[in-house]
Amino acid sequence: MKNFIEAFEVKSNLDEYVIIDCRFDLVETDYGIKAYKNSHIKNAFFFDLEGDMSAKKSVHGGRHPLPDMAMFINKLEAIGISNDTKILVYDDDISVAARLWWMLKYIGITNVKILNGGINAAAQAGIEMESGEPNKSNHLKGKIDARINNDLLIEMDELKTIISKGKNYILIDSRSPERYKGLIEPYDKIPGRIPTSINIFFKDVMNENKIKEIEDLKKVYNNIDSDKMIIAYCGSGVTAPINIVAMDEVGLYSRLYLGSYSDYVSYKDNVIEKD
């Protein structure tokens, strides 16, 4: 697979990578740093979803808007990352790692692998672990020539225009079927979905905490027309990148509505569908 790597494949050459642990829990928001301090892959750095990979929530923009990109890039450079650096990202499965993978692609860094199966796969492969506070870099400071790829991103106004004109697109809601149908909504104030969206739950592309094999992914996306603009969203731009990276594996290229449903429902005039 082009975006994923197995633990046994990197066990003998981990020193070639800058490793980033990005474990996070949407409910227990300090889970990631606690888990990192308890045990992490040796020499891994820690990036927090809300502290490093998101800006503070505002009225609009969703629950996990992009951070100030200059600050994000400075954080990457501080741990030795340049444009051509080999990067390995991991969490407990592939969820937040996919968000970081997307963010790195967005700024033009392409040599990124997600550790398939996360930290548990690493432990099972016998990769050395350590504990303690987040690492300070012993790398030379990196230098990133950011090449923002706005083709990977879509904003609400453009999305609404596409929907209203009935353009040639497919809009994928990555949340659970219950949230898609509007039966429950644990995070956002109004249950439902963005009109015209179809549901491909992000967990449907995973076997437990690993990405499915290519042939199984092709079955998941069997009805997705590659000639159409493909747009993915979720609750706040965290789990939709799982669909995006999985589609990339089978040759389907898509854009992220980063603010996602939490941004969409922040505008009172937006139409919401539910079953």
Protein backbone atom coordinates (compact mmCIF):
# COMPACT_ATOMS: atom_id res chain seq x y z
CA MET A 1 0.00 0.00 0.00
CA LYS A 2 1.29 3.46 -0.84
CA ASN A 3 0.08 5.34 2.25
CA PHE A 4 0.38 2.61 4.89
CA ILE A 5 3.23 0.53 6.18
CA GLU A 6 3.28 -2.54 8.39
CA ALA A 7 5.19 -2.55 11.65
CA PHE A 8 7.44 -5.42 10.57
CA GLU A 9 8.45 -3.42 7.49
CA VAL A 10 9.86 -0.53 9.51
CA LYS A 11 11.17 -2.34 12.56
CA SER A 12 14.73 -2.54 11.24
CA ASN A 13 14.93 0.98 9.79
CA LEU A 14 12.95 3.20 12.14
CA ASP A 15 15.89 5.57 12.41
CA GLU A 16 15.21 6.64 8.81
CA TYR A 17 11.91 8.20 9.88
CA VAL A 18 10.75 11.10 11.96
CA ILE A 19 8.02 9.43 14.01
CA ILE A 20 4.94 11.25 15.27
CA ASP A 21 2.54 9.84 17.85
CA CYS A 22 -0.85 11.56 17.52
CA ARG A 23 -3.13 9.51 19.73
CA PHE A 24 -6.26 11.34 20.83
CA ASP A 25 -9.73 10.73 22.19
CA LEU A 26 -12.59 13.11 21.40
CA VAL A 27 -14.16 12.57 24.82
CA GLU A 28 -11.10 12.21 27.08
CA THR A 29 -9.06 14.96 25.45
CA ASP A 30 -5.93 14.45 27.57
CA TYR A 31 -5.86 10.73 26.75
CA GLY A 32 -3.23 11.12 24.03
CA ILE A 33 -0.54 12.77 26.10
CA LYS A 34 -1.21 10.39 29.01
CA ALA A 35 -0.88 7.39 26.70
CA TYR A 36 2.28 8.83 25.17
CA LYS A 37 3.91 9.38 28.56
CA ASN A 38 3.00 5.85 29.57
CA SER A 39 4.46 4.22 26.46
CA HIS A 40 5.37 5.24 22.92
CA ILE A 41 7.63 4.14 20.09
CA LYS A 42 11.19 5.05 20.96
CA ASN A 43 12.16 8.52 19.72
CA ALA A 44 8.61 9.37 18.65
CA PHE A 45 7.42 12.95 19.02
CA PHE A 46 3.93 13.83 20.20
CA PHE A 47 1.44 15.98 18.29
CA ASP A 48 -1.88 16.75 19.94
CA LEU A 49 -4.99 16.99 17.77
CA GLU A 50 -6.31 20.06 19.55
CA GLY A 51 -3.05 21.66 20.61
CA ASP A 52 -0.91 21.14 17.49
CA MET A 53 -3.23 20.11 14.65
CA SER A 54 -6.20 22.43 15.22
CA ALA A 55 -6.96 26.04 16.02
CA LYS A 56 -9.28 26.96 18.86
CA LYS A 57 -12.95 26.52 18.06
CA SER A 58 -14.80 29.66 17.02
CA VAL A 59 -18.39 30.44 16.02
CA HIS A 60 -17.81 28.97 12.57
CA GLY A 61 -15.18 26.69 11.10
CA GLY A 62 -16.09 23.54 12.98
CA ARG A 63 -14.73 21.91 16.10
CA HIS A 64 -11.26 21.24 14.69
CA PRO A 65 -10.32 24.01 12.23
CA LEU A 66 -6.84 24.12 10.76
CA PRO A 67 -4.21 25.74 12.98
CA ASP A 68 -2.17 28.71 11.93
CA MET A 69 -0.19 26.95 9.23
CA ALA A 70 3.00 28.94 9.82
CA MET A 71 3.00 27.75 13.44
CA PHE A 72 2.23 24.18 12.36
CA ILE A 73 5.11 24.25 9.90
CA ASN A 74 7.44 25.66 12.58
CA LYS A 75 6.53 22.74 14.85
CA LEU A 76 7.33 20.30 12.06
CA GLU A 77 10.64 22.01 11.30
CA ALA A 78 11.54 21.99 15.00
CA ILE A 79 11.50 18.18 15.03
CA GLY A 80 13.69 17.98 11.95
CA ILE A 81 11.15 17.76 9.14
CA SER A 82 11.88 19.10 5.67
CA ASN A 83 10.01 18.48 2.42
CA ASP A 84 11.82 15.23 1.66
CA THR A 85 11.87 13.82 5.22
CA LYS A 86 10.52 10.30 5.66
CA ILE A 87 7.69 10.56 8.19
CA LEU A 88 5.87 7.82 10.10
CA VAL A 89 2.65 8.75 11.89
CA TYR A 90 0.66 6.56 14.22
CA ASP A 91 -2.07 6.48 16.83
CA ASP A 92 -4.18 3.67 18.30
CA ASP A 93 -5.59 2.74 14.90
CA ILE A 94 -5.46 5.00 11.83
CA SER A 95 -7.99 7.72 12.69
CA VAL A 96 -6.08 10.80 13.88
CA ALA A 97 -3.04 9.61 11.94
CA ALA A 98 -5.09 10.04 8.76
CA ARG A 99 -5.86 13.65 9.71
CA LEU A 100 -2.13 14.34 10.19
CA TRP A 101 -1.35 12.52 6.91
CA TRP A 102 -3.84 14.82 5.15
CA MET A 103 -2.41 17.96 6.75
CA LEU A 104 1.10 17.04 5.67
CA LYS A 105 -0.12 16.40 2.12
CA TYR A 106 -1.94 19.73 2.20
CA ILE A 107 1.32 21.63 2.79
CA GLY A 108 3.17 19.65 0.14
CA ILE A 109 4.94 16.97 2.19
CA THR A 110 4.42 13.66 0.42
CA ASN A 111 6.80 11.14 2.00
CA VAL A 112 4.38 10.13 4.74
CA LYS A 113 3.38 6.67 5.93
CA ILE A 114 0.67 5.71 8.40
CA LEU A 115 1.63 2.82 10.67
CA ASN A 116 -1.05 0.25 9.94
CA GLY A 117 -2.56 -0.96 13.20
CA GLY A 118 -0.99 1.80 15.26
CA ILE A 119 0.96 1.35 18.44
CA ASN A 120 -0.46 -2.09 19.20
CA ALA A 121 0.88 -3.41 15.91
CA ALA A 122 4.26 -1.87 16.75
CA ALA A 123 4.30 -3.56 20.14
CA GLN A 124 3.32 -6.90 18.63
CA ALA A 125 6.16 -6.58 16.12
CA GLY A 126 8.64 -6.05 18.94
CA ILE A 127 9.40 -2.42 18.13
CA GLU A 128 11.18 -0.79 21.07
CA MET A 129 9.07 1.41 23.32
CA GLU A 130 9.90 4.04 25.89
CA SER A 131 8.01 6.21 28.34
CA GLY A 132 8.26 9.74 29.64
CA GLU A 133 7.71 13.34 28.61
CA PRO A 134 7.54 14.39 24.96
CA ASN A 135 10.88 14.21 23.20
CA LYS A 136 12.98 17.23 22.39
CA SER A 137 14.45 17.01 18.92
CA ASN A 138 18.04 15.94 18.49
CA HIS A 139 17.65 16.49 14.73
CA LEU A 140 18.90 19.50 12.88
CA LYS A 141 16.09 21.97 12.36
CA GLY A 142 14.23 21.19 9.17
CA LYS A 143 13.30 23.55 6.37
CA ILE A 144 9.89 23.25 4.73
CA ASP A 145 9.06 24.94 1.47
CA ALA A 146 5.28 24.87 1.93
CA ARG A 147 3.30 24.21 -1.24
CA ILE A 148 -0.30 24.51 -0.17
CA ASN A 149 -2.54 22.27 -2.25
CA ASN A 150 -5.96 23.88 -2.09
CA ASP A 151 -7.33 21.19 -4.41
CA LEU A 152 -7.40 18.96 -1.33
CA LEU A 153 -9.73 21.31 0.54
CA ILE A 154 -13.23 22.67 0.05
CA GLU A 155 -15.00 25.37 2.03
CA MET A 156 -18.69 25.57 2.87
CA ASP A 157 -19.62 28.27 0.35
CA GLU A 158 -18.11 26.34 -2.53
CA LEU A 159 -19.77 23.14 -1.33
CA LYS A 160 -23.17 24.83 -1.15
CA THR A 161 -22.72 26.22 -4.65
CA ILE A 162 -21.86 22.77 -5.98
CA ILE A 163 -24.92 21.27 -4.27
CA SER A 164 -27.28 24.01 -5.41
CA LYS A 165 -26.15 23.74 -9.04
CA GLY A 166 -26.28 19.95 -8.99
CA LYS A 167 -22.77 19.74 -10.32
CA ASN A 168 -21.02 16.47 -11.05
CA TYR A 169 -20.07 15.47 -7.48
CA ILE A 170 -20.34 12.83 -4.77
CA LEU A 171 -20.55 13.96 -1.15
CA ILE A 172 -19.55 11.34 1.42
CA ASP A 173 -20.57 11.54 5.08
CA SER A 174 -17.99 9.54 7.06
CA ARG A 175 -19.89 9.44 10.36
CA SER A 176 -21.78 6.47 11.79
CA PRO A 177 -25.09 5.50 10.16
CA GLU A 178 -26.94 6.65 13.28
CA ARG A 179 -25.49 10.13 13.06
CA TYR A 180 -25.96 10.25 9.29
CA LYS A 181 -29.65 9.41 9.70
CA GLY A 182 -30.05 12.02 12.43
CA LEU A 183 -31.01 9.47 15.06
CA ILE A 184 -28.29 10.61 17.47
CA GLU A 185 -25.84 13.50 17.66
CA PRO A 186 -23.33 13.37 20.53
CA TYR A 187 -21.26 16.42 19.58
CA ASP A 188 -23.14 18.94 17.47
CA LYS A 189 -26.30 20.86 18.34
CA ILE A 190 -28.52 19.64 15.51
CA PRO A 191 -28.74 16.00 14.34
CA GLY A 192 -28.85 15.18 10.66
CA ARG A 193 -26.71 15.38 7.53
CA ILE A 194 -25.75 17.68 4.68
CA PRO A 195 -28.26 17.30 1.82
CA THR A 196 -27.37 14.94 -1.06
CA SER A 197 -24.67 13.15 0.95
CA ILE A 198 -24.24 9.41 0.99
CA ASN A 199 -22.93 7.48 3.98
CA ILE A 200 -19.67 5.54 4.03
CA PHE A 201 -18.82 5.04 7.70
CA PHE A 202 -15.08 5.40 8.26
CA LYS A 203 -15.02 2.14 10.21
CA ASP A 204 -16.23 0.32 7.10
CA VAL A 205 -12.76 0.75 5.57
CA MET A 206 -11.07 -0.81 8.59
CA ASN A 207 -10.70 -4.27 10.06
CA GLU A 208 -10.53 -3.42 13.74
CA ASN A 209 -7.61 -0.98 13.91
CA LYS A 210 -6.08 -1.59 10.46
CA ILE A 211 -6.95 -0.49 6.95
CA LYS A 212 -8.64 -3.14 4.82
CA GLU A 213 -6.86 -4.83 1.94
CA ILE A 214 -7.06 -3.19 -1.48
CA GLU A 215 -9.62 -5.61 -2.90
CA ASP A 216 -11.89 -5.05 0.08
CA LEU A 217 -11.51 -1.27 -0.25
CA LYS A 218 -12.52 -1.51 -3.90
CA LYS A 219 -15.74 -3.18 -2.77
CA VAL A 220 -16.46 -0.36 -0.30
CA TYR A 221 -16.06 2.27 -3.04
CA ASN A 222 -17.50 0.18 -5.87
CA ASN A 223 -20.23 2.73 -6.64
CA ILE A 224 -18.03 5.82 -6.47
CA ASP A 225 -17.53 7.36 -9.90
CA SER A 226 -13.97 8.61 -10.31
CA ASP A 227 -15.10 11.07 -12.98
CA LYS A 228 -17.05 13.04 -10.39
CA MET A 229 -15.69 15.46 -7.80
CA ILE A 230 -15.51 13.45 -4.58
CA ILE A 231 -15.90 15.35 -1.30
CA ALA A 232 -15.68 13.83 2.16
CA TYR A 233 -16.84 15.20 5.50
CA CYS A 234 -17.42 13.93 9.01
CA GLY A 235 -18.19 15.67 12.30
CA SER A 236 -15.19 17.98 12.50
CA GLY A 237 -12.64 16.98 9.87
CA VAL A 238 -10.93 14.24 11.88
CA THR A 239 -12.34 10.94 10.58
CA ALA A 240 -13.20 11.96 7.00
CA PRO A 241 -9.48 11.74 6.12
CA ILE A 242 -9.75 7.99 6.77
CA ASN A 243 -12.06 7.77 3.79
CA ILE A 244 -9.78 10.11 1.85
CA VAL A 245 -6.63 8.07 2.43
CA ALA A 246 -8.51 4.81 1.80
CA MET A 247 -9.88 6.14 -1.48
CA ASP A 248 -6.40 7.29 -2.44
CA GLU A 249 -5.28 3.68 -2.09
CA VAL A 250 -7.70 2.63 -4.85
CA GLY A 251 -7.09 5.59 -7.14
CA LEU A 252 -9.98 7.82 -6.06
CA TYR A 253 -8.93 11.39 -5.33
CA SER A 254 -11.10 13.48 -3.05
CA ARG A 255 -11.35 16.79 -1.24
CA LEU A 256 -11.98 17.39 2.45
CA TYR A 257 -14.67 19.67 3.79
CA LEU A 258 -12.58 20.34 6.84
CA GLY A 259 -15.16 22.17 8.94
CA SER A 260 -17.51 19.30 8.18
CA TYR A 261 -20.89 18.91 9.84
CA SER A 262 -19.92 20.97 12.90
CA ASP A 263 -19.20 23.93 10.63
CA TYR A 264 -22.25 23.36 8.45
CA VAL A 265 -24.71 23.42 11.36
CA SER A 266 -23.15 26.59 12.78
CA TYR A 267 -25.00 28.53 10.06
CA LYS A 268 -28.67 28.69 10.98
CA ASP A 269 -29.89 29.03 7.37
CA ASN A 270 -28.25 25.82 6.16
CA VAL A 271 -30.67 23.06 5.20
CA ILE A 272 -30.27 19.81 7.13
CA GLU A 273 -31.68 16.42 6.16
CA LYS A 274 -32.54 13.52 8.44
CA ASP A 275 -34.49 10.28 8.18
